[in-house]
Amino acid sequence: MLRNVARCSVAAFALGIALPADAQVPAPFPRPGQPAGQAPAAPAPRPPVAAPQPPPLAPAPPAAPAAQPSDAPTEATLGVPLYPNAQYLESYDAGHGQRFHIFGSASDFAQIIGFYKSALRQRGELIFDEPPIQMFETGKFREESMGFPPSVTVKDYTWGGSQGYLNPKRDGSPARFKTIVQIVVAPAGAR
């Protein structure tokens, strides 16, 4: 044990010696006869190091047409009906083999809720009053294999005078979506 303590002490001492020479040095105590206002000379400042310049940016590719991307999920892959004219925006990893599929629509919240009440034959549940968010569960939630319940969630983005959800596609039409639909499906092995 004593040998380990000695090794640690030697290692700590060696690290102390290996500090860079330009590290901050403590100021000495004033000596008798030295004027009180006189401070030791400060080390000369080092010249700033120039940061490397990033390469010039390439011009942006032309905007894609407003058509649905070929990798957009379909009613068959999602297992639920899609609101007519809803535009696929993006898909995000939800964990446990699930994904959030996001669609935008220029239709009103009430119209989309009416569509899903009829198509899914259920009332759904109003999760929030302000802003209105309604959720329709489309499958049984299994905590051991899912991060989120399989569902269709509809959110009103014009609540409180908002202009809507900004279209993430450059020069996309419409410029803003009144309503967003989020679809979460069960993982492949749990369907």
Protein backbone atom coordinates (compact mmCIF):
# COMPACT_ATOMS: atom_id res chain seq x y z
CA MET A 1 0.00 0.00 0.00
CA LEU A 2 2.83 2.36 0.86
CA ARG A 3 4.36 1.62 -2.53
CA ASN A 4 1.06 2.66 -4.29
CA VAL A 5 0.91 5.92 -2.34
CA ALA A 6 4.51 6.65 -3.33
CA ARG A 7 3.72 5.97 -7.00
CA CYS A 8 0.69 8.27 -6.87
CA SER A 9 2.78 11.01 -5.25
CA VAL A 10 5.48 10.67 -7.91
CA ALA A 11 2.86 10.72 -10.68
CA ALA A 12 1.18 13.84 -9.25
CA PHE A 13 4.55 15.55 -8.93
CA ALA A 14 5.49 14.62 -12.51
CA LEU A 15 2.20 16.06 -13.77
CA GLY A 16 2.90 19.27 -11.87
CA ILE A 17 6.27 19.61 -13.59
CA ALA A 18 4.81 18.83 -17.00
CA LEU A 19 2.46 21.86 -16.92
CA PRO A 20 3.10 24.28 -19.78
CA ALA A 21 5.55 27.04 -19.11
CA ASP A 22 3.03 29.74 -20.03
CA ALA A 23 0.56 28.68 -17.33
CA GLN A 24 -0.54 31.41 -14.94
CA VAL A 25 2.16 32.05 -12.37
CA PRO A 26 1.12 33.28 -8.92
CA ALA A 27 2.20 36.83 -8.08
CA PRO A 28 4.95 37.06 -5.46
CA PHE A 29 4.33 38.64 -2.08
CA PRO A 30 5.51 42.25 -1.81
CA ARG A 31 9.00 42.63 -0.42
CA PRO A 32 10.05 45.16 2.21
CA GLY A 33 11.01 48.42 0.56
CA GLN A 34 8.93 47.75 -2.58
CA PRO A 35 6.29 50.45 -3.22
CA ALA A 36 2.74 49.20 -2.54
CA GLY A 37 1.33 50.24 -5.94
CA GLN A 38 4.06 48.56 -7.97
CA ALA A 39 3.06 45.24 -9.44
CA PRO A 40 5.35 42.76 -11.11
CA ALA A 41 5.59 43.06 -14.86
CA ALA A 42 2.87 41.09 -16.66
CA PRO A 43 3.99 38.57 -19.25
CA ALA A 44 3.80 39.77 -22.83
CA PRO A 45 0.48 38.85 -24.48
CA ARG A 46 0.65 36.15 -27.10
CA PRO A 47 -0.47 37.05 -30.60
CA PRO A 48 -3.90 35.62 -31.48
CA VAL A 49 -3.92 32.43 -33.48
CA ALA A 50 -5.90 32.72 -36.69
CA ALA A 51 -8.73 30.19 -36.95
CA PRO A 52 -8.72 28.06 -40.09
CA GLN A 53 -11.14 29.34 -42.70
CA PRO A 54 -13.95 26.96 -43.71
CA PRO A 55 -14.17 26.06 -47.38
CA PRO A 56 -16.60 28.18 -49.43
CA LEU A 57 -20.18 26.93 -49.48
CA ALA A 58 -21.47 25.25 -52.59
CA PRO A 59 -24.58 26.77 -54.16
CA ALA A 60 -27.86 25.34 -52.88
CA PRO A 61 -29.53 22.77 -55.10
CA PRO A 62 -32.74 23.87 -56.83
CA ALA A 63 -35.93 23.50 -54.83
CA ALA A 64 -37.70 20.18 -55.14
CA PRO A 65 -41.21 20.09 -56.56
CA ALA A 66 -44.09 20.07 -54.09
CA ALA A 67 -44.98 16.46 -54.93
CA GLN A 68 -44.84 13.78 -52.23
CA PRO A 69 -41.36 12.28 -51.85
CA SER A 70 -40.97 8.70 -53.01
CA ASP A 71 -39.98 7.64 -49.48
CA ALA A 72 -43.22 9.01 -48.00
CA PRO A 73 -45.13 6.41 -46.01
CA THR A 74 -48.44 5.23 -47.46
CA GLU A 75 -51.72 4.16 -45.89
CA ALA A 76 -50.60 0.56 -46.42
CA THR A 77 -47.29 1.03 -44.57
CA LEU A 78 -48.87 3.10 -41.78
CA GLY A 79 -51.98 0.98 -41.32
CA VAL A 80 -54.21 4.06 -40.98
CA PRO A 81 -55.92 6.30 -43.53
CA LEU A 82 -54.19 9.53 -44.49
CA TYR A 83 -56.16 12.75 -44.61
CA PRO A 84 -56.74 13.70 -48.28
CA ASN A 85 -54.16 16.19 -49.58
CA ALA A 86 -52.04 15.97 -46.40
CA GLN A 87 -48.39 16.52 -47.31
CA TYR A 88 -45.68 14.31 -45.89
CA LEU A 89 -43.13 16.51 -44.13
CA GLU A 90 -40.70 14.33 -42.17
CA SER A 91 -40.17 11.23 -40.12
CA TYR A 92 -38.32 11.05 -36.79
CA ASP A 93 -37.02 8.17 -34.69
CA ALA A 94 -39.28 7.58 -31.68
CA GLY A 95 -37.18 4.75 -30.20
CA HIS A 96 -38.08 1.06 -29.81
CA GLY A 97 -38.29 0.67 -33.60
CA GLN A 98 -41.04 3.29 -33.91
CA ARG A 99 -41.13 6.50 -35.94
CA PHE A 100 -43.09 9.76 -35.80
CA HIS A 101 -44.48 10.45 -39.30
CA ILE A 102 -45.43 14.12 -39.68
CA PHE A 103 -47.96 15.39 -42.23
CA GLY A 104 -49.17 18.96 -42.80
CA SER A 105 -52.57 20.08 -44.02
CA ALA A 106 -54.14 23.37 -45.04
CA SER A 107 -57.49 22.09 -43.71
CA ASP A 108 -58.99 23.18 -40.42
CA PHE A 109 -58.48 21.18 -37.23
CA ALA A 110 -62.22 20.42 -36.99
CA GLN A 111 -62.35 19.01 -40.55
CA ILE A 112 -59.41 16.66 -39.89
CA ILE A 113 -60.87 15.54 -36.55
CA GLY A 114 -64.17 14.77 -38.31
CA PHE A 115 -62.34 12.74 -40.96
CA TYR A 116 -60.46 10.61 -38.40
CA LYS A 117 -63.55 10.12 -36.20
CA SER A 118 -65.32 8.68 -39.24
CA ALA A 119 -62.38 6.73 -40.70
CA LEU A 120 -61.20 5.20 -37.40
CA ARG A 121 -64.72 4.83 -35.95
CA GLN A 122 -63.79 6.31 -32.61
CA ARG A 123 -64.10 9.63 -30.84
CA GLY A 124 -60.47 9.98 -29.88
CA GLU A 125 -59.39 11.92 -26.84
CA LEU A 126 -58.90 15.68 -26.59
CA ILE A 127 -55.52 15.81 -24.85
CA PHE A 128 -55.20 19.62 -24.66
CA ASP A 129 -57.83 22.33 -24.96
CA GLU A 130 -55.37 25.13 -25.73
CA PRO A 131 -53.93 24.61 -28.32
CA PRO A 132 -56.32 21.84 -29.32
CA ILE A 133 -54.63 18.45 -29.67
CA GLN A 134 -56.66 15.29 -30.23
CA MET A 135 -55.30 11.74 -30.18
CA PHE A 136 -56.75 8.57 -31.70
CA GLU A 137 -55.16 5.36 -30.43
CA THR A 138 -54.80 2.83 -33.26
CA GLY A 139 -53.29 -0.09 -31.37
CA LYS A 140 -52.56 -1.47 -27.94
CA PHE A 141 -49.61 0.06 -26.10
CA ARG A 142 -47.03 -2.47 -24.88
CA GLU A 143 -44.61 -0.81 -22.49
CA GLU A 144 -41.92 -3.49 -22.90
CA SER A 145 -41.67 -3.08 -26.68
CA MET A 146 -42.92 0.44 -27.47
CA GLY A 147 -41.93 3.99 -26.68
CA PHE A 148 -45.29 5.47 -27.69
CA PRO A 149 -48.78 4.13 -28.26
CA PRO A 150 -49.67 3.54 -31.91
CA SER A 151 -51.79 6.58 -32.69
CA VAL A 152 -52.86 9.47 -34.88
CA THR A 153 -52.41 12.85 -33.16
CA VAL A 154 -53.84 16.05 -34.66
CA LYS A 155 -52.74 19.54 -33.56
CA ASP A 156 -54.24 22.92 -34.47
CA TYR A 157 -51.44 25.33 -35.39
CA THR A 158 -53.75 28.34 -35.94
CA TRP A 159 -54.90 28.48 -32.34
CA GLY A 160 -54.51 31.84 -30.61
CA GLY A 161 -54.04 33.75 -33.87
CA SER A 162 -50.96 31.82 -35.01
CA GLN A 163 -50.31 31.85 -38.74
CA GLY A 164 -49.72 28.09 -38.80
CA TYR A 165 -46.85 25.61 -38.96
CA LEU A 166 -44.14 26.87 -41.30
CA ASN A 167 -43.63 24.62 -44.32
CA PRO A 168 -40.10 23.19 -43.97
CA LYS A 169 -39.77 22.80 -47.77
CA ARG A 170 -38.20 25.81 -49.43
CA ASP A 171 -40.81 27.60 -51.55
CA GLY A 172 -43.31 24.87 -50.57
CA SER A 173 -47.01 25.37 -50.99
CA PRO A 174 -48.77 26.24 -48.79
CA ALA A 175 -46.28 28.41 -46.95
CA ARG A 176 -47.89 27.43 -43.63
CA PHE A 177 -50.03 24.49 -42.53
CA LYS A 178 -53.11 25.06 -40.39
CA THR A 179 -52.96 21.57 -38.93
CA ILE A 180 -50.29 18.92 -38.32
CA VAL A 181 -51.01 15.18 -38.18
CA GLN A 182 -48.54 12.90 -36.41
CA ILE A 183 -48.80 9.15 -36.96
CA VAL A 184 -46.97 6.60 -34.80
CA VAL A 185 -47.18 2.94 -35.78
CA ALA A 186 -46.38 -0.13 -33.73
CA PRO A 187 -42.89 -1.62 -34.20
CA ALA A 188 -42.67 -4.24 -36.98
CA GLY A 189 -42.63 -7.22 -34.59
CA ALA A 190 -45.56 -5.96 -32.49
CA ARG A 191 -48.18 -5.51 -35.25
